[in-house]
PDB file of N, CA and C in Angstrom:
ATOM      1  N   MET A   1      78.571  11.214  -1.526  1.00  0.00           N
ATOM      2  CA  MET A   1      78.276  10.811  -0.505  1.00  0.00           C
ATOM      3  C   MET A   1      77.728  11.900   0.572  1.00  0.00           C
ATOM      4  N   ASP A   2      76.809  11.603   1.164  1.00  0.00           N
ATOM      5  CA  ASP A   2      76.161  12.601   2.061  1.00  0.00           C
ATOM      6  C   ASP A   2      76.649  12.805   3.455  1.00  0.00           C
ATOM      7  N   ALA A   3      76.586  14.043   3.599  1.00  0.00           N
ATOM      8  CA  ALA A   3      77.765  14.330   5.210  1.00  0.00           C
ATOM      9  C   ALA A   3      77.340  13.786   6.255  1.00  0.00           C
ATOM     10  N   ARG A   4      75.595  13.781   6.378  1.00  0.00           N
ATOM     11  CA  ARG A   4      75.362  12.959   7.495  1.00  0.00           C
ATOM     12  C   ARG A   4      75.900  11.774   7.738  1.00  0.00           C
ATOM     13  N   ILE A   5      75.837  10.925   6.484  1.00  0.00           N
ATOM     14  CA  ILE A   5      76.243   9.704   6.556  1.00  0.00           C
ATOM     15  C   ILE A   5      77.384   9.373   7.080  1.00  0.00           C
ATOM     16  N   LEU A   6      78.402  10.379   6.694  1.00  0.00           N
ATOM     17  CA  LEU A   6      79.454  10.457   6.884  1.00  0.00           C
ATOM     18  C   LEU A   6      80.260  10.568   8.075  1.00  0.00           C
ATOM     19  N   THR A   7      79.328  11.458   9.170  1.00  0.00           N
ATOM     20  CA  THR A   7      79.126  11.857  10.243  1.00  0.00           C
ATOM     21  C   THR A   7      78.718  10.602  11.245  1.00  0.00           C
ATOM     22  N   TYR A   8      77.728  10.032  10.549  1.00  0.00           N
ATOM     23  CA  TYR A   8      77.333   8.728  11.426  1.00  0.00           C
ATOM     24  C   TYR A   8      78.381   7.847  11.591  1.00  0.00           C
ATOM     25  N   ILE A   9      78.911   7.648  10.375  1.00  0.00           N
ATOM     26  CA  ILE A   9      80.023   6.482  10.101  1.00  0.00           C
ATOM     27  C   ILE A   9      81.134   6.877  11.280  1.00  0.00           C
ATOM     28  N   VAL A  10      81.614   8.333  11.212  1.00  0.00           N
ATOM     29  CA  VAL A  10      82.695   8.501  12.137  1.00  0.00           C
ATOM     30  C   VAL A  10      82.480   8.428  13.676  1.00  0.00           C
ATOM     31  N   ILE A  11      81.129   8.785  13.869  1.00  0.00           N
ATOM     32  CA  ILE A  11      80.460   8.549  15.533  1.00  0.00           C
ATOM     33  C   ILE A  11      80.529   7.087  15.822  1.00  0.00           C
ATOM     34  N   MET A  12      79.883   6.164  14.771  1.00  0.00           N
ATOM     35  CA  MET A  12      80.079   4.753  15.131  1.00  0.00           C
ATOM     36  C   MET A  12      81.398   4.487  15.090  1.00  0.00           C
ATOM     37  N   ILE A  13      82.447   4.678  14.728  1.00  0.00           N
ATOM     38  CA  ILE A  13      83.678   4.023  14.568  1.00  0.00           C
ATOM     39  C   ILE A  13      84.280   4.684  16.170  1.00  0.00           C
ATOM     40  N   VAL A  14      83.896   6.047  16.078  1.00  0.00           N
ATOM     41  CA  VAL A  14      84.427   6.396  17.839  1.00  0.00           C
ATOM     42  C   VAL A  14      84.250   5.565  18.999  1.00  0.00           C
ATOM     43  N   VAL A  15      82.613   5.690  18.669  1.00  0.00           N
ATOM     44  CA  VAL A  15      82.227   4.803  20.110  1.00  0.00           C
ATOM     45  C   VAL A  15      82.430   3.189  19.907  1.00  0.00           C
ATOM     46  N   THR A  16      82.465   2.729  18.711  1.00  0.00           N
ATOM     47  CA  THR A  16      83.194   1.339  18.805  1.00  0.00           C
ATOM     48  C   THR A  16      84.487   1.110  19.402  1.00  0.00           C
ATOM     49  N   ASN A  17      85.478   2.278  18.784  1.00  0.00           N
ATOM     50  CA  ASN A  17      86.607   2.252  19.543  1.00  0.00           C
ATOM     51  C   ASN A  17      86.762   2.561  20.895  1.00  0.00           C
ATOM     52  N   LEU A  18      86.118   3.501  21.476  1.00  0.00           N
ATOM     53  CA  LEU A  18      86.035   3.790  22.946  1.00  0.00           C
ATOM     54  C   LEU A  18      85.781   2.597  24.091  1.00  0.00           C
ATOM     55  N   ILE A  19      84.792   1.780  23.157  1.00  0.00           N
ATOM     56  CA  ILE A  19      84.192   0.960  24.140  1.00  0.00           C
ATOM     57  C   ILE A  19      85.151  -0.222  24.600  1.00  0.00           C
ATOM     58  N   ARG A  20      86.083  -0.012  23.559  1.00  0.00           N
ATOM     59  CA  ARG A  20      87.186  -1.277  23.471  1.00  0.00           C
ATOM     60  C   ARG A  20      88.456  -0.843  24.184  1.00  0.00           C
ATOM     61  N   VAL A  21      88.893   0.918  24.063  1.00  0.00           N
ATOM     62  CA  VAL A  21      90.405   1.417  24.423  1.00  0.00           C
ATOM     63  C   VAL A  21      89.858   1.718  26.085  1.00  0.00           C
ATOM     64  N   ILE A  22      88.611   2.031  26.377  1.00  0.00           N
ATOM     65  CA  ILE A  22      88.881   2.655  27.699  1.00  0.00           C
ATOM     66  C   ILE A  22      89.060   1.353  28.883  1.00  0.00           C
ATOM     67  N   PRO A  23      88.377   0.319  28.993  1.00  0.00           N
ATOM     68  CA  PRO A  23      89.097  -0.743  30.004  1.00  0.00           C
ATOM     69  C   PRO A  23      90.272  -0.953  30.095  1.00  0.00           C
ATOM     70  N   MET A  24      90.610  -0.769  28.655  1.00  0.00           N
ATOM     71  CA  MET A  24      92.639  -1.218  28.762  1.00  0.00           C
ATOM     72  C   MET A  24      93.245   0.197  29.266  1.00  0.00           C
ATOM     73  N   ILE A  25      92.578   1.464  29.218  1.00  0.00           N
ATOM     74  CA  ILE A  25      93.355   2.258  29.596  1.00  0.00           C
ATOM     75  C   ILE A  25      92.873   2.499  31.268  1.00  0.00           C
ATOM     76  N   LEU A  26      91.945   2.172  31.458  1.00  0.00           N
ATOM     77  CA  LEU A  26      91.553   2.545  32.878  1.00  0.00           C
ATOM     78  C   LEU A  26      91.753   0.979  33.791  1.00  0.00           C
ATOM     79  N   ILE A  27      91.866  -0.130  33.297  1.00  0.00           N
ATOM     80  CA  ILE A  27      92.381  -1.310  34.259  1.00  0.00           C
ATOM     81  C   ILE A  27      93.942  -1.819  33.822  1.00  0.00           C
ATOM     82  N   ARG A  28      94.592  -1.320  34.550  1.00  0.00           N
ATOM     83  CA  ARG A  28      95.851  -1.821  34.103  1.00  0.00           C
ATOM     84  C   ARG A  28      96.592  -3.186  34.139  1.00  0.00           C
ATOM     85  N   GLY A  29      96.252  -3.298  36.023  1.00  0.00           N
ATOM     86  CA  GLY A  29      96.412  -4.804  36.886  1.00  0.00           C
ATOM     87  C   GLY A  29      95.416  -5.648  36.195  1.00  0.00           C
ATOM     88  N   ARG A  30      96.058  -6.957  37.153  1.00  0.00           N
ATOM     89  CA  ARG A  30      94.883  -8.067  37.069  1.00  0.00           C
ATOM     90  C   ARG A  30      93.765  -7.785  37.877  1.00  0.00           C
ATOM     91  N   ILE A  31      92.563  -8.203  37.425  1.00  0.00           N
ATOM     92  CA  ILE A  31      91.332  -7.704  38.393  1.00  0.00           C
ATOM     93  C   ILE A  31      91.631  -9.091  39.397  1.00  0.00           C
ATOM     94  N   ARG A  32      91.321  -8.795  40.853  1.00  0.00           N
ATOM     95  CA  ARG A  32      91.447  -9.566  41.868  1.00  0.00           C
ATOM     96  C   ARG A  32      90.105  -9.715  42.492  1.00  0.00           C
ATOM     97  N   ASN A  33      89.113  -8.949  42.505  1.00  0.00           N
ATOM     98  CA  ASN A  33      87.816  -9.295  42.634  1.00  0.00           C
ATOM     99  C   ASN A  33      87.178 -10.395  42.165  1.00  0.00           C
ATOM    100  N   THR A  34      86.940 -11.450  42.830  1.00  0.00           N
ATOM    101  CA  THR A  34      85.911 -12.614  42.125  1.00  0.00           C
ATOM    102  C   THR A  34      84.511 -12.253  41.701  1.00  0.00           C
ATOM    103  N   PHE A  35      84.171 -11.098  42.359  1.00  0.00           N
ATOM    104  CA  PHE A  35      82.711 -11.149  41.974  1.00  0.00           C
ATOM    105  C   PHE A  35      82.676 -10.354  40.368  1.00  0.00           C
ATOM    106  N   ILE A  36      83.504  -9.700  40.345  1.00  0.00           N
ATOM    107  CA  ILE A  36      84.020  -9.091  38.770  1.00  0.00           C
ATOM    108  C   ILE A  36      84.599 -10.178  37.810  1.00  0.00           C
ATOM    109  N   ARG A  37      85.239 -10.782  38.361  1.00  0.00           N
ATOM    110  CA  ARG A  37      85.945 -11.676  37.560  1.00  0.00           C
ATOM    111  C   ARG A  37      85.180 -12.549  37.017  1.00  0.00           C
ATOM    112  N   SER A  38      83.887 -13.301  37.951  1.00  0.00           N
ATOM    113  CA  SER A  38      82.888 -13.983  37.659  1.00  0.00           C
ATOM    114  C   SER A  38      81.712 -13.345  36.547  1.00  0.00           C
ATOM    115  N   PHE A  39      81.425 -12.371  37.017  1.00  0.00           N
ATOM    116  CA  PHE A  39      80.678 -11.374  36.033  1.00  0.00           C
ATOM    117  C   PHE A  39      81.473 -11.447  34.947  1.00  0.00           C
ATOM    118  N   LEU A  40      82.690 -11.482  34.597  1.00  0.00           N
ATOM    119  CA  LEU A  40      82.869 -10.985  33.433  1.00  0.00           C
ATOM    120  C   LEU A  40      83.139 -12.127  32.752  1.00  0.00           C
ATOM    121  N   TYR A  41      83.384 -13.343  33.220  1.00  0.00           N
ATOM    122  CA  TYR A  41      83.539 -14.870  32.586  1.00  0.00           C
ATOM    123  C   TYR A  41      82.082 -15.385  31.981  1.00  0.00           C
ATOM    124  N   TYR A  42      80.974 -14.641  32.390  1.00  0.00           N
ATOM    125  CA  TYR A  42      79.875 -15.415  32.156  1.00  0.00           C
ATOM    126  C   TYR A  42      79.061 -14.273  30.965  1.00  0.00           C
ATOM    127  N   VAL A  43      79.601 -13.242  31.016  1.00  0.00           N
ATOM    128  CA  VAL A  43      79.012 -12.026  29.819  1.00  0.00           C
ATOM    129  C   VAL A  43      78.723 -12.391  28.764  1.00  0.00           C
ATOM    130  N   PRO A  44      79.705 -13.372  27.968  1.00  0.00           N
ATOM    131  CA  PRO A  44      79.340 -13.557  26.828  1.00  0.00           C
ATOM    132  C   PRO A  44      78.434 -15.261  26.573  1.00  0.00           C
ATOM    133  N   TYR A  45      78.259 -15.569  27.707  1.00  0.00           N
ATOM    134  CA  TYR A  45      77.430 -16.833  27.439  1.00  0.00           C
ATOM    135  C   TYR A  45      75.980 -16.098  27.578  1.00  0.00           C
ATOM    136  N   VAL A  46      75.655 -15.275  28.640  1.00  0.00           N
ATOM    137  CA  VAL A  46      74.726 -14.648  28.766  1.00  0.00           C
ATOM    138  C   VAL A  46      73.992 -13.861  27.674  1.00  0.00           C
ATOM    139  N   THR A  47      75.024 -13.413  26.858  1.00  0.00           N
ATOM    140  CA  THR A  47      74.837 -12.538  25.812  1.00  0.00           C
ATOM    141  C   THR A  47      74.198 -13.287  24.328  1.00  0.00           C
ATOM    142  N   LEU A  48      75.033 -14.465  24.365  1.00  0.00           N
ATOM    143  CA  LEU A  48      74.977 -15.427  23.397  1.00  0.00           C
ATOM    144  C   LEU A  48      73.548 -16.324  23.897  1.00  0.00           C
ATOM    145  N   ALA A  49      73.192 -16.501  25.021  1.00  0.00           N
ATOM    146  CA  ALA A  49      71.368 -17.041  25.302  1.00  0.00           C
ATOM    147  C   ALA A  49      70.768 -15.957  24.596  1.00  0.00           C
ATOM    148  N   VAL A  50      70.736 -14.837  25.284  1.00  0.00           N
ATOM    149  CA  VAL A  50      69.784 -13.780  25.103  1.00  0.00           C
ATOM    150  C   VAL A  50      69.515 -13.368  23.368  1.00  0.00           C
ATOM    151  N   MET A  51      70.639 -13.800  22.675  1.00  0.00           N
ATOM    152  CA  MET A  51      70.219 -13.269  21.443  1.00  0.00           C
ATOM    153  C   MET A  51      69.795 -14.990  20.531  1.00  0.00           C
ATOM    154  N   THR A  52      70.317 -15.784  21.150  1.00  0.00           N
ATOM    155  CA  THR A  52      69.629 -17.206  20.407  1.00  0.00           C
ATOM    156  C   THR A  52      68.518 -17.710  20.913  1.00  0.00           C
ATOM    157  N   PHE A  53      67.845 -17.217  22.081  1.00  0.00           N
ATOM    158  CA  PHE A  53      66.449 -18.099  22.640  1.00  0.00           C
ATOM    159  C   PHE A  53      65.159 -17.508  21.753  1.00  0.00           C
ATOM    160  N   PRO A  54      65.454 -16.164  21.762  1.00  0.00           N
ATOM    161  CA  PRO A  54      64.154 -15.888  20.763  1.00  0.00           C
ATOM    162  C   PRO A  54      64.371 -16.447  19.466  1.00  0.00           C
ATOM    163  N   ALA A  55      65.385 -16.712  18.686  1.00  0.00           N
ATOM    164  CA  ALA A  55      65.420 -17.246  17.602  1.00  0.00           C
ATOM    165  C   ALA A  55      65.093 -18.568  17.729  1.00  0.00           C
ATOM    166  N   ILE A  56      65.436 -19.212  18.456  1.00  0.00           N
ATOM    167  CA  ILE A  56      65.099 -20.587  18.545  1.00  0.00           C
ATOM    168  C   ILE A  56      63.097 -20.855  18.770  1.00  0.00           C
ATOM    169  N   ILE A  57      62.758 -19.895  19.199  1.00  0.00           N
ATOM    170  CA  ILE A  57      61.278 -19.931  19.251  1.00  0.00           C
ATOM    171  C   ILE A  57      60.449 -19.513  17.783  1.00  0.00           C
ATOM    172  N   ASP A  58      61.217 -18.269  17.867  1.00  0.00           N
ATOM    173  CA  ASP A  58      60.378 -17.686  16.568  1.00  0.00           C
ATOM    174  C   ASP A  58      60.866 -18.046  14.978  1.00  0.00           C
ATOM    175  N   THR A  59      61.815 -18.802  15.039  1.00  0.00           N
ATOM    176  CA  THR A  59      62.478 -19.219  13.745  1.00  0.00           C
ATOM    177  C   THR A  59      61.464 -20.476  13.007  1.00  0.00           C
ATOM    178  N   THR A  60      61.148 -21.608  13.885  1.00  0.00           N
ATOM    179  CA  THR A  60      60.431 -22.309  13.513  1.00  0.00           C
ATOM    180  C   THR A  60      59.000 -21.952  12.786  1.00  0.00           C
ATOM    181  N   GLN A  61      58.095 -23.121  12.297  1.00  0.00           N
ATOM    182  CA  GLN A  61      56.810 -22.474  12.243  1.00  0.00           C
ATOM    183  C   GLN A  61      55.984 -22.867  13.120  1.00  0.00           C
ATOM    184  N   SER A  62      56.072 -23.656  13.852  1.00  0.00           N
ATOM    185  CA  SER A  62      55.253 -23.667  15.183  1.00  0.00           C
ATOM    186  C   SER A  62      56.323 -23.484  16.564  1.00  0.00           C
ATOM    187  N   PRO A  63      55.814 -22.610  17.737  1.00  0.00           N
ATOM    188  CA  PRO A  63      56.671 -22.017  18.633  1.00  0.00           C
ATOM    189  C   PRO A  63      56.732 -23.367  19.476  1.00  0.00           C
ATOM    190  N   LEU A  64      55.822 -24.452  19.110  1.00  0.00           N
ATOM    191  CA  LEU A  64      56.456 -25.543  20.296  1.00  0.00           C
ATOM    192  C   LEU A  64      57.241 -26.472  19.752  1.00  0.00           C
ATOM    193  N   ALA A  65      57.385 -26.606  18.437  1.00  0.00           N
ATOM    194  CA  ALA A  65      58.504 -27.292  17.765  1.00  0.00           C
ATOM    195  C   ALA A  65      59.559 -26.770  18.513  1.00  0.00           C
ATOM    196  N   GLY A  66      60.014 -25.414  18.466  1.00  0.00           N
ATOM    197  CA  GLY A  66      60.942 -24.970  19.042  1.00  0.00           C
ATOM    198  C   GLY A  66      61.227 -24.846  20.223  1.00  0.00           C
ATOM    199  N   LEU A  67      60.427 -24.802  21.238  1.00  0.00           N
ATOM    200  CA  LEU A  67      60.253 -25.289  22.317  1.00  0.00           C
ATOM    201  C   LEU A  67      61.092 -26.707  22.654  1.00  0.00           C
ATOM    202  N   LEU A  68      60.095 -27.815  21.946  1.00  0.00           N
ATOM    203  CA  LEU A  68      60.784 -29.470  22.400  1.00  0.00           C
ATOM    204  C   LEU A  68      61.823 -29.379  21.565  1.00  0.00           C
ATOM    205  N   ALA A  69      62.436 -28.723  20.825  1.00  0.00           N
ATOM    206  CA  ALA A  69      63.860 -29.095  20.238  1.00  0.00           C
ATOM    207  C   ALA A  69      64.716 -28.103  21.182  1.00  0.00           C
ATOM    208  N   LEU A  70      64.528 -27.275  21.967  1.00  0.00           N
ATOM    209  CA  LEU A  70      65.216 -26.804  22.968  1.00  0.00           C
ATOM    210  C   LEU A  70      65.551 -27.560  24.077  1.00  0.00           C
ATOM    211  N   VAL A  71      64.391 -28.206  24.710  1.00  0.00           N
ATOM    212  CA  VAL A  71      64.206 -28.993  25.608  1.00  0.00           C
ATOM    213  C   VAL A  71      65.162 -30.310  25.838  1.00  0.00           C
ATOM    214  N   LEU A  72      64.870 -30.647  24.440  1.00  0.00           N
ATOM    215  CA  LEU A  72      65.655 -31.976  24.005  1.00  0.00           C
ATOM    216  C   LEU A  72      67.184 -31.709  23.751  1.00  0.00           C
ATOM    217  N   GLY A  73      67.507 -30.605  23.298  1.00  0.00           N
ATOM    218  CA  GLY A  73      68.716 -30.083  23.417  1.00  0.00           C
ATOM    219  C   GLY A  73      69.618 -29.866  24.502  1.00  0.00           C
ATOM    220  N   ILE A  74      68.738 -29.688  25.627  1.00  0.00           N
ATOM    221  CA  ILE A  74      69.577 -28.821  26.876  1.00  0.00           C
ATOM    222  C   ILE A  74      69.756 -30.330  27.156  1.00  0.00           C
ATOM    223  N   ILE A  75      69.135 -31.329  27.240  1.00  0.00           N
ATOM    224  CA  ILE A  75      68.749 -32.604  27.779  1.00  0.00           C
ATOM    225  C   ILE A  75      69.958 -33.371  27.078  1.00  0.00           C
ATOM    226  N   ALA A  76      70.094 -33.250  25.988  1.00  0.00           N
ATOM    227  CA  ALA A  76      71.225 -34.072  24.942  1.00  0.00           C
ATOM    228  C   ALA A  76      72.640 -33.165  25.545  1.00  0.00           C
ATOM    229  N   ALA A  77      72.934 -32.304  25.828  1.00  0.00           N
ATOM    230  CA  ALA A  77      74.097 -31.264  26.371  1.00  0.00           C
ATOM    231  C   ALA A  77      74.065 -31.955  27.747  1.00  0.00           C
ATOM    232  N   MET A  78      73.328 -31.924  28.741  1.00  0.00           N
ATOM    233  CA  MET A  78      73.493 -32.193  30.057  1.00  0.00           C
ATOM    234  C   MET A  78      73.829 -33.765  30.146  1.00  0.00           C
ATOM    235  N   PHE A  79      73.806 -35.071  29.229  1.00  0.00           N
ATOM    236  CA  PHE A  79      74.485 -36.244  28.915  1.00  0.00           C
ATOM    237  C   PHE A  79      75.586 -36.278  28.335  1.00  0.00           C
ATOM    238  N   GLY A  80      76.306 -35.094  28.030  1.00  0.00           N
ATOM    239  CA  GLY A  80      77.488 -35.030  27.702  1.00  0.00           C
ATOM    240  C   GLY A  80      78.083 -34.820  26.194  1.00  0.00           C
ATOM    241  N   LEU A  81      77.135 -34.865  25.311  1.00  0.00           N
ATOM    242  CA  LEU A  81      77.317 -34.528  23.997  1.00  0.00           C
ATOM    243  C   LEU A  81      77.420 -33.257  23.183  1.00  0.00           C
ATOM    244  N   GLY A  82      78.408 -33.472  22.112  1.00  0.00           N
ATOM    245  CA  GLY A  82      79.016 -32.386  21.924  1.00  0.00           C
ATOM    246  C   GLY A  82      78.113 -31.356  20.973  1.00  0.00           C
ATOM    247  N   LEU A  83      79.004 -30.421  20.602  1.00  0.00           N
ATOM    248  CA  LEU A  83      78.012 -29.123  19.583  1.00  0.00           C
ATOM    249  C   LEU A  83      77.019 -30.090  18.689  1.00  0.00           C
ATOM    250  N   PHE A  84      77.806 -30.940  17.767  1.00  0.00           N
ATOM    251  CA  PHE A  84      77.085 -31.301  16.442  1.00  0.00           C
ATOM    252  C   PHE A  84      76.104 -32.012  16.341  1.00  0.00           C
ATOM    253  N   PRO A  85      76.201 -33.121  17.640  1.00  0.00           N
ATOM    254  CA  PRO A  85      75.109 -33.955  17.793  1.00  0.00           C
ATOM    255  C   PRO A  85      74.356 -32.935  18.448  1.00  0.00           C
ATOM    256  N   VAL A  86      74.285 -32.515  19.081  1.00  0.00           N
ATOM    257  CA  VAL A  86      73.100 -31.733  19.857  1.00  0.00           C
ATOM    258  C   VAL A  86      72.598 -31.015  18.228  1.00  0.00           C
ATOM    259  N   ALA A  87      72.973 -30.166  17.924  1.00  0.00           N
ATOM    260  CA  ALA A  87      72.771 -29.435  16.767  1.00  0.00           C
ATOM    261  C   ALA A  87      71.580 -30.302  15.850  1.00  0.00           C
ATOM    262  N   ALA A  88      72.285 -31.642  15.552  1.00  0.00           N
ATOM    263  CA  ALA A  88      71.347 -32.567  14.850  1.00  0.00           C
ATOM    264  C   ALA A  88      70.424 -32.631  15.542  1.00  0.00           C
ATOM    265  N   ILE A  89      70.435 -33.179  16.488  1.00  0.00           N
ATOM    266  CA  ILE A  89      69.245 -33.922  17.571  1.00  0.00           C
ATOM    267  C   ILE A  89      67.978 -32.425  17.378  1.00  0.00           C
ATOM    268  N   CYS A  90      68.586 -31.342  17.486  1.00  0.00           N
ATOM    269  CA  CYS A  90      67.556 -30.142  17.671  1.00  0.00           C
ATOM    270  C   CYS A  90      66.976 -30.187  15.936  1.00  0.00           C
ATOM    271  N   CYS A  91      67.786 -30.193  15.041  1.00  0.00           N
ATOM    272  CA  CYS A  91      67.100 -30.066  13.957  1.00  0.00           C
ATOM    273  C   CYS A  91      66.211 -31.106  13.301  1.00  0.00           C
ATOM    274  N   ILE A  92      66.507 -32.391  13.568  1.00  0.00           N
ATOM    275  CA  ILE A  92      65.436 -33.606  13.540  1.00  0.00           C
ATOM    276  C   ILE A  92      64.701 -33.475  14.500  1.00  0.00           C
ATOM    277  N   VAL A  93      64.600 -33.074  15.520  1.00  0.00           N
ATOM    278  CA  VAL A  93      63.529 -32.855  16.462  1.00  0.00           C
ATOM    279  C   VAL A  93      62.432 -31.495  15.912  1.00  0.00           C
ATOM    280  N   VAL A  94      63.074 -30.747  15.320  1.00  0.00           N
ATOM    281  CA  VAL A  94      62.116 -29.639  14.699  1.00  0.00           C
ATOM    282  C   VAL A  94      61.276 -30.183  13.225  1.00  0.00           C
ATOM    283  N   PHE A  95      62.276 -30.911  12.550  1.00  0.00           N
ATOM    284  CA  PHE A  95      61.563 -31.243  11.598  1.00  0.00           C
ATOM    285  C   PHE A  95      60.564 -32.496  11.634  1.00  0.00           C
ATOM    286  N   VAL A  96      60.752 -33.262  12.411  1.00  0.00           N
ATOM    287  CA  VAL A  96      59.698 -34.041  12.584  1.00  0.00           C
ATOM    288  C   VAL A  96      58.467 -33.724  13.531  1.00  0.00           C
ATOM    289  N   SER A  97      58.811 -32.756  14.185  1.00  0.00           N
ATOM    290  CA  SER A  97      57.576 -32.153  14.841  1.00  0.00           C
ATOM    291  C   SER A  97      56.752 -31.561  14.364  1.00  0.00           C
ATOM    292  N   GLU A  98      57.404 -30.623  13.411  1.00  0.00           N
ATOM    293  CA  GLU A  98      56.890 -30.076  12.085  1.00  0.00           C
ATOM    294  C   GLU A  98      56.143 -30.614  11.264  1.00  0.00           C
ATOM    295  N   TRP A  99      56.496 -31.702  11.147  1.00  0.00           N
ATOM    296  CA  TRP A  99      56.024 -32.737   9.872  1.00  0.00           C
ATOM    297  C   TRP A  99      54.877 -33.108  10.544  1.00  0.00           C
ATOM    298  N   LEU A 100      54.838 -33.946  12.076  1.00  0.00           N
ATOM    299  CA  LEU A 100      53.442 -34.393  12.355  1.00  0.00           C
ATOM    300  C   LEU A 100      52.314 -33.425  12.891  1.00  0.00           C
ATOM    301  N   MET A 101      52.817 -32.106  12.997  1.00  0.00           N
ATOM    302  CA  MET A 101      51.961 -31.396  13.106  1.00  0.00           C
ATOM    303  C   MET A 101      50.986 -30.702  12.127  1.00  0.00           C
ATOM    304  N   THR A 102      51.572 -30.914  10.779  1.00  0.00           N
ATOM    305  CA  THR A 102      51.008 -30.698   9.641  1.00  0.00           C
ATOM    306  C   THR A 102      49.475 -31.570   8.920  1.00  0.00           C
TER     307      THR A 102
END
């Protein structure tokens, strides 16, 4: 194995573990600041949205089909449907809209 690859792997291990260990070392007690608590609460949702949104538009053959599925999925979720029905509605919308566009 090349020494450079081994060095890169070790650096990756150190950086990944430091990101997880430093907050546990620096923050001993409960976080009382409401701004920081709300920020940390929403970080996973924002990260998921930032990763998912471009894939919704770019994965379909037509960006319009992806956008239409996104809008109808948001509307279905606002009406209280669960994850599976919303995903099924979005898949059906993409399938039908791409079939109609060809």
